[in-house]
Amino acid sequence: MVELAAKEARKAWLWYRKRSTRAGGRFQQTLEHAVDQIREQPESWPEYQHGTQFVRLKRFPYIVVFRELDTEVQIVAVAHAHRRPGYWKRRLK
């Protein structure tokens, strides 16, 4: 996971945890499940912008943006689905 994506994930988790320990835990589990699915079958997810793909988190307004590289799957962003679309594009360089 790109460092900035990890920071985004932590910030979102903290936001949910601040409101409810249970919500924070559910967010973390949902995100971990999505990342596991991405790593197991990256080709299963729809194409997105600039050569990336994404997974929408269930019950949370977040998407996990990723791309397949030669040797790994790179998580580019854990982005709120309704705010600042495409802000993460500069990370692709």
C-alpha atoms as a PDB file:
ATOM      1  CA  MET A   1       0.000   0.000   0.000  1.00  0.00           C
ATOM      2  CA  VAL A   2       1.312   3.419  -0.936  1.00  0.00           C
ATOM      3  CA  GLU A   3       2.146   5.382   2.217  1.00  0.00           C
ATOM      4  CA  LEU A   4      -0.449   8.055   1.446  1.00  0.00           C
ATOM      5  CA  ALA A   5      -3.145   5.393   0.973  1.00  0.00           C
ATOM      6  CA  ALA A   6      -2.219   3.917   4.355  1.00  0.00           C
ATOM      7  CA  LYS A   7      -2.565   7.367   5.934  1.00  0.00           C
ATOM      8  CA  GLU A   8      -5.971   7.798   4.318  1.00  0.00           C
ATOM      9  CA  ALA A   9      -7.099   4.436   5.636  1.00  0.00           C
ATOM     10  CA  ARG A  10      -5.931   5.316   9.137  1.00  0.00           C
ATOM     11  CA  LYS A  11      -7.616   8.719   9.029  1.00  0.00           C
ATOM     12  CA  ALA A  12     -10.934   7.156   7.957  1.00  0.00           C
ATOM     13  CA  TRP A  13     -10.611   4.435  10.603  1.00  0.00           C
ATOM     14  CA  LEU A  14      -9.953   7.059  13.301  1.00  0.00           C
ATOM     15  CA  TRP A  15     -12.994   9.041  12.174  1.00  0.00           C
ATOM     16  CA  TYR A  16     -15.261   5.996  12.498  1.00  0.00           C
ATOM     17  CA  ARG A  17     -13.634   4.835  15.729  1.00  0.00           C
ATOM     18  CA  LYS A  18     -14.126   8.250  17.292  1.00  0.00           C
ATOM     19  CA  ARG A  19     -17.842   7.900  16.700  1.00  0.00           C
ATOM     20  CA  SER A  20     -18.079   4.234  17.666  1.00  0.00           C
ATOM     21  CA  THR A  21     -15.530   1.546  18.503  1.00  0.00           C
ATOM     22  CA  ARG A  22     -17.759  -0.920  16.694  1.00  0.00           C
ATOM     23  CA  ALA A  23     -17.932   1.235  13.543  1.00  0.00           C
ATOM     24  CA  GLY A  24     -14.147   1.621  13.581  1.00  0.00           C
ATOM     25  CA  GLY A  25     -13.741  -2.133  13.818  1.00  0.00           C
ATOM     26  CA  ARG A  26     -16.200  -2.767  11.007  1.00  0.00           C
ATOM     27  CA  PHE A  27     -14.441  -0.245   8.783  1.00  0.00           C
ATOM     28  CA  GLN A  28     -11.086  -1.906   9.413  1.00  0.00           C
ATOM     29  CA  GLN A  29     -12.465  -5.396   8.726  1.00  0.00           C
ATOM     30  CA  THR A  30     -14.214  -4.243   5.565  1.00  0.00           C
ATOM     31  CA  LEU A  31     -11.075  -2.540   4.279  1.00  0.00           C
ATOM     32  CA  GLU A  32      -8.886  -5.564   5.064  1.00  0.00           C
ATOM     33  CA  HIS A  33     -11.363  -7.840   3.289  1.00  0.00           C
ATOM     34  CA  ALA A  34     -11.341  -5.591   0.198  1.00  0.00           C
ATOM     35  CA  VAL A  35      -7.525  -5.513   0.105  1.00  0.00           C
ATOM     36  CA  ASP A  36      -7.422  -9.317   0.441  1.00  0.00           C
ATOM     37  CA  GLN A  37      -9.857  -9.654  -2.478  1.00  0.00           C
ATOM     38  CA  ILE A  38      -7.791  -7.262  -4.570  1.00  0.00           C
ATOM     39  CA  ARG A  39      -4.609  -9.232  -3.943  1.00  0.00           C
ATOM     40  CA  GLU A  40      -6.279 -12.583  -4.629  1.00  0.00           C
ATOM     41  CA  GLN A  41      -8.046 -11.595  -7.863  1.00  0.00           C
ATOM     42  CA  PRO A  42      -7.063  -8.141  -9.117  1.00  0.00           C
ATOM     43  CA  GLU A  43      -8.465  -8.831 -12.568  1.00  0.00           C
ATOM     44  CA  SER A  44     -11.997  -9.166 -11.135  1.00  0.00           C
ATOM     45  CA  TRP A  45     -12.547  -5.462 -10.539  1.00  0.00           C
ATOM     46  CA  PRO A  46     -13.701  -2.787 -12.967  1.00  0.00           C
ATOM     47  CA  GLU A  47     -11.354  -0.466 -14.773  1.00  0.00           C
ATOM     48  CA  TYR A  48     -11.230   3.033 -13.409  1.00  0.00           C
ATOM     49  CA  GLN A  49      -9.192   6.096 -14.309  1.00  0.00           C
ATOM     50  CA  HIS A  50      -5.624   6.283 -15.621  1.00  0.00           C
ATOM     51  CA  GLY A  51      -4.979   2.534 -15.710  1.00  0.00           C
ATOM     52  CA  THR A  52      -6.353   1.824 -12.257  1.00  0.00           C
ATOM     53  CA  GLN A  53      -9.156  -0.320 -10.908  1.00  0.00           C
ATOM     54  CA  PHE A  54     -11.277   0.038  -7.805  1.00  0.00           C
ATOM     55  CA  VAL A  55     -13.290  -1.771  -5.171  1.00  0.00           C
ATOM     56  CA  ARG A  56     -16.170  -0.053  -3.398  1.00  0.00           C
ATOM     57  CA  LEU A  57     -16.331  -0.826   0.321  1.00  0.00           C
ATOM     58  CA  LYS A  58     -19.605  -2.292   1.521  1.00  0.00           C
ATOM     59  CA  ARG A  59     -21.484  -0.090   4.014  1.00  0.00           C
ATOM     60  CA  PHE A  60     -18.891   2.691   3.807  1.00  0.00           C
ATOM     61  CA  PRO A  61     -18.579   5.522   1.250  1.00  0.00           C
ATOM     62  CA  TYR A  62     -14.995   4.631   0.324  1.00  0.00           C
ATOM     63  CA  ILE A  63     -13.263   3.078  -2.637  1.00  0.00           C
ATOM     64  CA  VAL A  64      -9.887   1.376  -2.768  1.00  0.00           C
ATOM     65  CA  VAL A  65      -8.061   2.452  -5.923  1.00  0.00           C
ATOM     66  CA  PHE A  66      -5.308   0.124  -7.124  1.00  0.00           C
ATOM     67  CA  ARG A  67      -3.227  -0.802 -10.119  1.00  0.00           C
ATOM     68  CA  GLU A  68      -1.461  -3.947 -11.221  1.00  0.00           C
ATOM     69  CA  LEU A  69       2.270  -3.582 -11.688  1.00  0.00           C
ATOM     70  CA  ASP A  70       4.643  -6.217 -13.069  1.00  0.00           C
ATOM     71  CA  THR A  71       5.513  -7.625  -9.654  1.00  0.00           C
ATOM     72  CA  GLU A  72       2.753  -6.430  -7.338  1.00  0.00           C
ATOM     73  CA  VAL A  73      -0.659  -4.911  -6.871  1.00  0.00           C
ATOM     74  CA  GLN A  74      -0.290  -1.350  -5.615  1.00  0.00           C
ATOM     75  CA  ILE A  75      -2.997   0.273  -3.497  1.00  0.00           C
ATOM     76  CA  VAL A  76      -2.981   3.880  -4.689  1.00  0.00           C
ATOM     77  CA  ALA A  77      -5.722   5.411  -2.521  1.00  0.00           C
ATOM     78  CA  VAL A  78      -8.387   4.751   0.067  1.00  0.00           C
ATOM     79  CA  ALA A  79     -10.642   7.534  -1.130  1.00  0.00           C
ATOM     80  CA  HIS A  80     -14.006   8.844  -0.060  1.00  0.00           C
ATOM     81  CA  ALA A  81     -16.285   8.029  -2.980  1.00  0.00           C
ATOM     82  CA  HIS A  82     -18.021  11.421  -2.995  1.00  0.00           C
ATOM     83  CA  ARG A  83     -15.235  13.890  -2.275  1.00  0.00           C
ATOM     84  CA  ARG A  84     -12.421  15.257  -4.424  1.00  0.00           C
ATOM     85  CA  PRO A  85     -12.598  12.711  -7.256  1.00  0.00           C
ATOM     86  CA  GLY A  86      -9.261  11.948  -8.853  1.00  0.00           C
ATOM     87  CA  TYR A  87      -7.072  13.774  -6.312  1.00  0.00           C
ATOM     88  CA  TRP A  88      -4.849  10.676  -6.124  1.00  0.00           C
ATOM     89  CA  LYS A  89      -3.832  10.771  -9.847  1.00  0.00           C
ATOM     90  CA  ARG A  90      -0.541  12.487  -9.095  1.00  0.00           C
ATOM     91  CA  ARG A  91       0.544   9.374  -7.157  1.00  0.00           C
ATOM     92  CA  LEU A  92       0.740   7.336 -10.338  1.00  0.00           C
ATOM     93  CA  LYS A  93       4.010   8.825 -11.547  1.00  0.00           C
END
